[in-house]
Protein backbone atom coordinates (compact mmCIF):
# COMPACT_ATOMS: atom_id res chain seq x y z
CA MET A 1 -15.02 4.00 29.58
CA LYS A 2 -12.54 3.67 26.93
CA LYS A 3 -12.84 5.33 23.66
CA ALA A 4 -13.40 4.15 20.49
CA LYS A 5 -10.41 3.92 18.27
CA LYS A 6 -10.55 5.15 14.60
CA THR A 7 -7.83 2.67 12.41
CA LEU A 8 -7.93 -0.83 12.57
CA GLU A 9 -4.18 -2.56 12.38
CA ALA A 10 -4.08 -5.47 9.83
CA TRP A 11 -1.28 -6.97 8.24
CA ARG A 12 -0.45 -8.81 5.52
CA TYR A 13 1.91 -11.61 5.12
CA PRO A 14 3.92 -13.07 1.87
CA VAL A 15 3.58 -16.09 0.33
CA ARG A 16 5.90 -18.11 0.96
CA ASP A 17 5.99 -21.70 -0.61
CA PRO A 18 5.59 -21.28 -4.65
CA ALA A 19 3.57 -23.96 -4.51
CA LEU A 20 1.01 -21.22 -3.71
CA LYS A 21 2.81 -17.84 -5.71
CA GLY A 22 0.88 -16.39 -7.86
CA ARG A 23 -2.29 -18.20 -6.78
CA ILE A 24 -2.42 -16.96 -3.44
CA LYS A 25 -1.81 -13.30 -3.60
CA TYR A 26 -1.55 -12.91 -0.35
CA PHE A 27 -2.10 -14.27 3.64
CA TRP A 28 -3.51 -11.21 5.80
CA THR A 29 -5.43 -10.80 9.61
CA LEU A 30 -6.88 -8.71 11.25
CA ARG A 31 -7.30 -7.96 15.44
CA GLN A 32 -8.98 -5.25 17.30
CA LEU A 33 -10.03 -6.34 20.97
CA GLU A 34 -10.52 -2.21 22.79
CA PRO A 35 -13.86 -0.60 21.22
CA PHE A 36 -14.14 -0.05 17.16
CA SER A 37 -17.49 0.09 15.46
CA VAL A 38 -17.39 -0.96 11.21
CA ASP A 39 -20.51 0.49 9.78
CA HIS A 40 -18.53 0.64 5.93
CA VAL A 41 -18.46 0.08 2.20
CA LEU A 42 -16.69 -2.95 0.73
CA MET A 43 -15.79 -2.12 -2.67
CA PRO A 44 -16.68 -4.13 -5.66
CA VAL A 45 -13.42 -6.46 -6.11
CA SER A 46 -12.76 -8.68 -8.83
CA ASN A 47 -10.84 -11.60 -6.48
CA ILE A 48 -12.72 -14.21 -3.92
CA ASP A 49 -11.15 -13.65 0.07
CA THR A 50 -11.72 -17.01 2.93
CA ILE A 51 -12.33 -15.04 5.59
CA TYR A 52 -12.07 -16.80 9.34
CA ASN A 53 -13.84 -15.04 11.03
CA LEU A 54 -13.65 -15.03 15.24
CA GLY A 55 -14.91 -11.70 16.45
CA ALA A 56 -18.17 -10.97 16.92
CA PRO A 57 -21.34 -11.65 14.23
CA ILE A 58 -20.14 -9.93 11.14
CA ILE A 59 -23.33 -8.17 9.34
CA TYR A 60 -23.19 -8.37 5.49
CA LEU A 61 -26.20 -5.40 3.81
CA PHE A 62 -26.82 -6.02 0.17
CA PRO A 63 -29.74 -4.12 -1.75
CA ASP A 64 -32.23 -7.04 -1.54
CA ARG A 65 -30.53 -8.87 1.73
CA GLU A 66 -28.71 -8.93 4.90
CA ILE A 67 -26.33 -11.66 5.96
CA GLU A 68 -25.35 -12.87 9.30
CA ILE A 69 -21.87 -14.71 9.04
CA ARG A 70 -20.22 -16.04 12.47
CA GLY A 71 -17.36 -18.08 11.50
CA THR A 72 -14.93 -18.64 8.16
CA HIS A 73 -16.41 -17.46 5.31
CA VAL A 74 -16.47 -17.34 1.47
CA LEU A 75 -16.65 -12.90 0.04
CA GLY A 76 -17.28 -13.51 -3.50
CA VAL A 77 -16.47 -11.34 -6.71
CA ARG A 78 -19.08 -8.51 -7.22
CA ASN A 79 -19.45 -6.14 -9.53
CA THR A 80 -21.67 -3.53 -6.78
CA SER A 81 -19.98 -1.90 -3.11
CA VAL A 82 -22.02 -4.06 -0.03
CA ARG A 83 -22.25 -2.29 3.31
CA VAL A 84 -20.53 -4.84 6.41
CA LEU A 85 -21.01 -3.72 10.08
CA GLN A 86 -19.59 -5.61 13.70
CA SER A 87 -18.04 -4.01 16.70
CA GLU A 88 -15.10 -5.83 18.98
CA PRO A 89 -14.22 -8.03 19.08
CA ILE A 90 -12.38 -7.83 15.36
CA VAL A 91 -10.58 -10.72 14.48
CA MET A 92 -9.97 -12.99 11.60
CA LEU A 93 -7.64 -14.71 9.25
CA GLY A 94 -8.04 -13.43 4.71
CA VAL A 95 -6.47 -15.47 2.14
CA SER A 96 -6.94 -13.30 -0.59
CA PHE A 97 -6.95 -15.40 -4.15
CA ASP A 98 -5.52 -13.32 -7.84
CA ASP A 99 -8.01 -12.95 -9.92
CA PHE A 100 -8.49 -16.79 -11.86
CA SER A 101 -6.60 -18.73 -9.28
CA ALA A 102 -9.53 -19.17 -6.44
CA LEU A 103 -11.15 -22.31 -8.56
CA PRO A 104 -8.39 -25.05 -8.12
CA PHE A 105 -8.64 -23.95 -4.30
CA LEU A 106 -12.07 -23.70 -3.67
CA LYS A 107 -13.84 -26.26 -6.22
CA ARG A 108 -16.77 -24.79 -6.29
CA PRO A 109 -18.47 -23.01 -9.67
CA LEU A 110 -17.08 -19.64 -9.17
CA ARG A 111 -20.12 -17.56 -11.05
CA ASP A 112 -22.42 -19.33 -8.05
CA LEU A 113 -20.10 -17.91 -5.71
CA ALA A 114 -20.12 -14.48 -7.54
CA HIS A 115 -22.16 -11.62 -5.56
CA GLY A 116 -22.66 -13.14 -2.67
CA ILE A 117 -21.12 -14.27 1.41
CA PHE A 118 -20.70 -18.11 1.61
CA GLU A 119 -21.06 -19.70 4.97
CA ALA A 120 -18.25 -22.51 4.62
CA GLU A 121 -20.84 -24.91 5.40
CA ARG A 122 -24.38 -25.08 4.57
CA GLU A 123 -26.34 -27.23 5.94
CA GLY A 124 -27.30 -29.73 2.78
CA ASP A 125 -24.41 -28.78 1.34
CA THR A 126 -22.38 -32.25 -0.88
CA ALA A 127 -19.85 -29.99 -1.82
CA PRO A 128 -16.27 -30.31 -0.98
CA PRO A 129 -15.70 -27.96 2.16
CA LEU A 130 -14.58 -24.53 1.66
CA ILE A 131 -12.15 -24.68 4.18
CA PRO A 132 -9.53 -27.54 4.94
CA PRO A 133 -11.12 -29.27 7.72
CA ASP A 134 -7.16 -29.07 9.37
CA MET A 135 -6.85 -24.98 9.95
CA ASP A 136 -9.22 -25.70 13.06
CA ALA A 137 -5.97 -25.18 15.54
CA GLN A 138 -4.15 -22.45 13.73
CA CYS A 139 -6.99 -19.95 13.86
CA LEU A 140 -7.96 -20.82 17.54
CA LEU A 141 -4.11 -20.30 18.34
CA PHE A 142 -4.68 -17.37 16.82
CA LYS A 143 -6.94 -16.47 18.76
CA ARG A 144 -5.97 -16.73 21.52
CA GLY A 145 -2.78 -14.27 20.96
CA GLY A 146 -0.59 -15.92 19.33
CA ASP A 147 1.64 -14.75 16.26
CA PHE A 148 0.22 -15.36 13.10
CA GLY A 149 3.84 -16.01 11.40
CA GLU A 150 4.15 -19.11 13.67
CA TYR A 151 1.23 -20.98 11.67
CA LEU A 152 1.21 -19.25 8.14
CA PRO A 153 3.62 -22.52 6.78
CA ALA A 154 0.64 -24.64 8.25
CA LEU A 155 -1.74 -22.72 6.78
CA GLU A 156 0.32 -22.87 3.49
CA SER A 157 0.04 -26.50 3.73
CA ALA A 158 -3.57 -27.05 4.39
CA TRP A 159 -4.37 -25.06 1.71
CA ILE A 160 -1.72 -26.83 -0.79
CA ARG A 161 -3.37 -30.76 0.19
CA ARG A 162 -6.59 -28.97 -0.13
CA ALA A 163 -6.50 -27.58 -3.82
CA ASP A 164 -5.99 -29.09 -7.18
CA PHE A 165 -4.21 -27.33 -9.45
CA THR A 166 -5.55 -29.47 -12.50
CA LEU A 167 -8.21 -27.01 -12.27
CA GLY A 168 -6.62 -23.80 -13.26
CA PRO A 169 -5.97 -22.88 -16.30
CA SER A 170 -3.29 -23.58 -18.81
CA ASP A 171 -0.35 -21.36 -19.40
CA GLU A 172 -2.71 -20.38 -23.02
CA GLU A 173 -5.28 -19.17 -20.97
CA LEU A 174 -3.95 -17.18 -17.94
CA ARG A 175 -2.12 -15.40 -20.78
CA ILE A 176 -5.41 -14.28 -22.70
CA LEU A 177 -6.55 -13.61 -19.35
CA GLN A 178 -4.02 -11.75 -17.48
CA ALA A 179 -3.82 -10.05 -21.24
CA PHE A 180 -7.71 -9.05 -20.21
CA ARG A 181 -6.55 -7.83 -16.63
CA GLU A 182 -4.09 -5.49 -17.76
CA LYS A 183 -6.12 -3.75 -21.75
CA GLU A 184 -6.41 -0.67 -21.12
CA ASP A 185 -9.69 0.84 -19.36
CA TYR A 186 -10.92 2.63 -22.76
CA GLU A 187 -10.51 -0.34 -24.37
CA SER A 188 -13.74 -2.28 -24.93
CA VAL A 189 -14.75 -6.51 -24.49
CA LEU A 190 -14.71 -6.44 -28.86
CA SER A 191 -12.20 -4.50 -29.26
CA PHE A 192 -9.61 -6.57 -27.17
CA CYS A 193 -11.72 -9.96 -29.08
CA ARG A 194 -10.64 -7.96 -32.50
CA ARG A 195 -6.66 -7.06 -31.65
CA THR A 196 -5.61 -10.34 -29.79
CA GLY A 197 -7.54 -12.50 -32.42
CA GLU A 198 -9.46 -14.01 -29.78
CA HIS A 199 -13.25 -15.19 -29.59
CA PRO A 200 -16.07 -13.03 -27.78
CA LYS A 201 -17.59 -16.31 -26.65
CA LYS A 202 -14.06 -18.04 -25.57
CA LEU A 203 -13.07 -14.71 -23.53
CA GLU A 204 -16.68 -14.98 -22.05
CA ARG A 205 -16.40 -18.68 -20.94
CA MET A 206 -12.90 -18.61 -19.34
CA LEU A 207 -13.96 -15.60 -17.18
CA TYR A 208 -17.08 -17.31 -16.09
CA LYS A 209 -15.15 -20.21 -15.37
CA TYR A 210 -12.13 -18.78 -13.37
CA VAL A 211 -13.37 -15.45 -12.21
CA GLY A 212 -17.44 -15.87 -11.64
CA LEU A 213 -17.78 -12.65 -13.99
CA PRO A 214 -18.35 -11.73 -17.68
CA PRO A 215 -15.85 -9.62 -19.65
CA LYS A 216 -17.80 -6.72 -19.05
CA GLN A 217 -18.06 -6.58 -15.18
CA TYR A 218 -15.11 -8.19 -14.58
CA THR A 219 -13.57 -4.87 -17.49
CA GLU A 220 -16.45 -2.38 -14.70
CA VAL A 221 -15.18 -3.43 -11.53
CA ARG A 222 -11.18 -3.84 -12.11
CA ARG A 223 -12.36 0.12 -13.69
CA ALA A 224 -13.58 1.42 -10.51
CA GLN A 225 -10.79 -0.84 -8.15
CA ARG A 226 -8.18 1.89 -9.83
CA LEU A 227 -10.74 4.76 -9.96
CA HIS A 228 -11.91 4.68 -6.74
CA ALA A 229 -7.55 4.17 -5.36
CA GLU A 230 -7.63 7.24 -7.69
CA ILE A 231 -9.51 9.44 -6.19
CA VAL A 232 -9.03 9.06 -2.83
CA ARG A 233 -5.24 9.40 -3.64
CA GLY A 234 -5.43 11.87 -5.49
CA GLU A 235 -5.67 15.73 -4.01
CA GLY A 236 -6.59 18.50 -6.61
CA LEU A 237 -7.74 15.74 -9.02
CA GLU A 238 -9.87 17.05 -11.26
CA LEU A 239 -12.95 14.95 -11.59
CA ALA A 240 -13.79 15.68 -15.41
CA HIS A 241 -10.08 14.70 -16.11
CA ALA A 242 -10.61 11.35 -14.13
CA ALA A 243 -13.34 9.97 -16.80
CA TYR A 244 -11.80 10.80 -19.71
CA ASP A 245 -8.22 9.52 -18.09
CA PHE A 246 -10.75 5.83 -17.02
CA GLY A 247 -12.09 5.43 -20.46
CA TYR A 248 -15.82 6.78 -19.89
CA PHE A 249 -17.38 8.85 -22.30
CA ASP A 250 -17.59 12.14 -19.87
CA GLN A 251 -18.23 13.18 -16.43
CA SER A 252 -21.99 11.99 -15.96
CA HIS A 253 -21.24 9.58 -17.74
CA MET A 254 -18.65 8.15 -14.22
CA ASN A 255 -20.57 9.37 -11.90
CA ARG A 256 -23.32 6.81 -13.23
CA SER A 257 -21.34 3.90 -12.74
CA VAL A 258 -19.24 5.30 -9.37
CA ARG A 259 -22.75 5.52 -8.28
CA LYS A 260 -23.97 1.88 -9.07
CA LEU A 261 -20.59 0.78 -7.89
CA PHE A 262 -20.18 2.14 -4.78
CA SER A 263 -23.54 3.73 -4.05
CA THR A 264 -22.23 6.65 -3.50
CA SER A 265 -20.36 9.85 -5.78
CA PRO A 266 -17.42 10.33 -6.74
CA SER A 267 -17.37 13.48 -4.83
CA HIS A 268 -17.86 11.67 -1.29
CA LEU A 269 -16.17 8.88 -2.06
CA ARG A 270 -12.73 11.28 -2.63
CA LYS A 271 -14.37 13.46 1.11
CA GLY A 272 -13.22 9.13 2.42
CA ASN A 273 -14.35 7.36 5.70
CA VAL A 274 -16.80 5.83 3.49
CA THR A 275 -14.85 2.25 2.66
CA ALA A 276 -13.85 -1.34 4.57
CA LYS A 277 -10.29 0.60 3.39
CA SER A 278 -10.62 4.45 4.48
CA ILE A 279 -10.58 2.81 8.68
CA ILE A 280 -7.66 0.33 7.50
CA ARG A 281 -4.04 1.00 8.03
CA ILE A 282 -2.28 -1.77 6.16
CA SER A 283 1.88 -2.59 7.83
CA ASP A 284 3.51 -5.40 5.38
CA CYS A 285 4.95 -8.80 6.86
CA ASP A 286 7.59 -9.92 6.32
CA GLY A 287 7.21 -13.55 6.95
CA LYS A 288 10.01 -14.21 8.95
């Protein structure tokens, strides 16, 4: 009997087509046919991923429900963690969208996709398909062992045909959204609006439309992502100092926020092997 591996090998592919750059962050793949068991936590995220699951069923465990997915689905933005279970074979392709760029591709209200897992096609669903219908052939070729890099141009073409770029944010809206994303963690939503002259309601409408979350939740998720990276990376990191650096009132405030977002404590996160990221080794492919 083969011993189960401890890490998953993932490949990240850069976007090639100029029409997709700045809209899709990257494409990614996972393929694990040897014995492997996933029982980990997916972190809160501020962007949407489309996943072509070509392997065993994936089980997502939310606090209030359990969802089993056998095929293609969309992971919406979320401000809480979700437990994920899967065993070999693990074979999937992924498309990671920029925080503000999923709407032209998915053509659905992103607020409806938040905090959930949505299959590509559901009975009685009259909305446009979430997945380009001409992607089936590329998925099957990859499942049979093909090099994903060979099929990347076809996948990019499929998503370009799928997109309606007029649904995306205007240059001015994008400028505001990017400025909000890059603001300091300690700056409140109202403080940002006073500093930039933006109306809070306008900012809220834009974030709901182009992300799916209201400003406060989006800020919490972005901060949680940066905090998680710092906790995992920072040997000897003083949690009290981290609380101050990331704009929390104190360490207790940070601990409550982390428990709410990750369903565990900062000290437990530091030990590793809690989140799905801890078992995935990512390599960048040049896409050639």
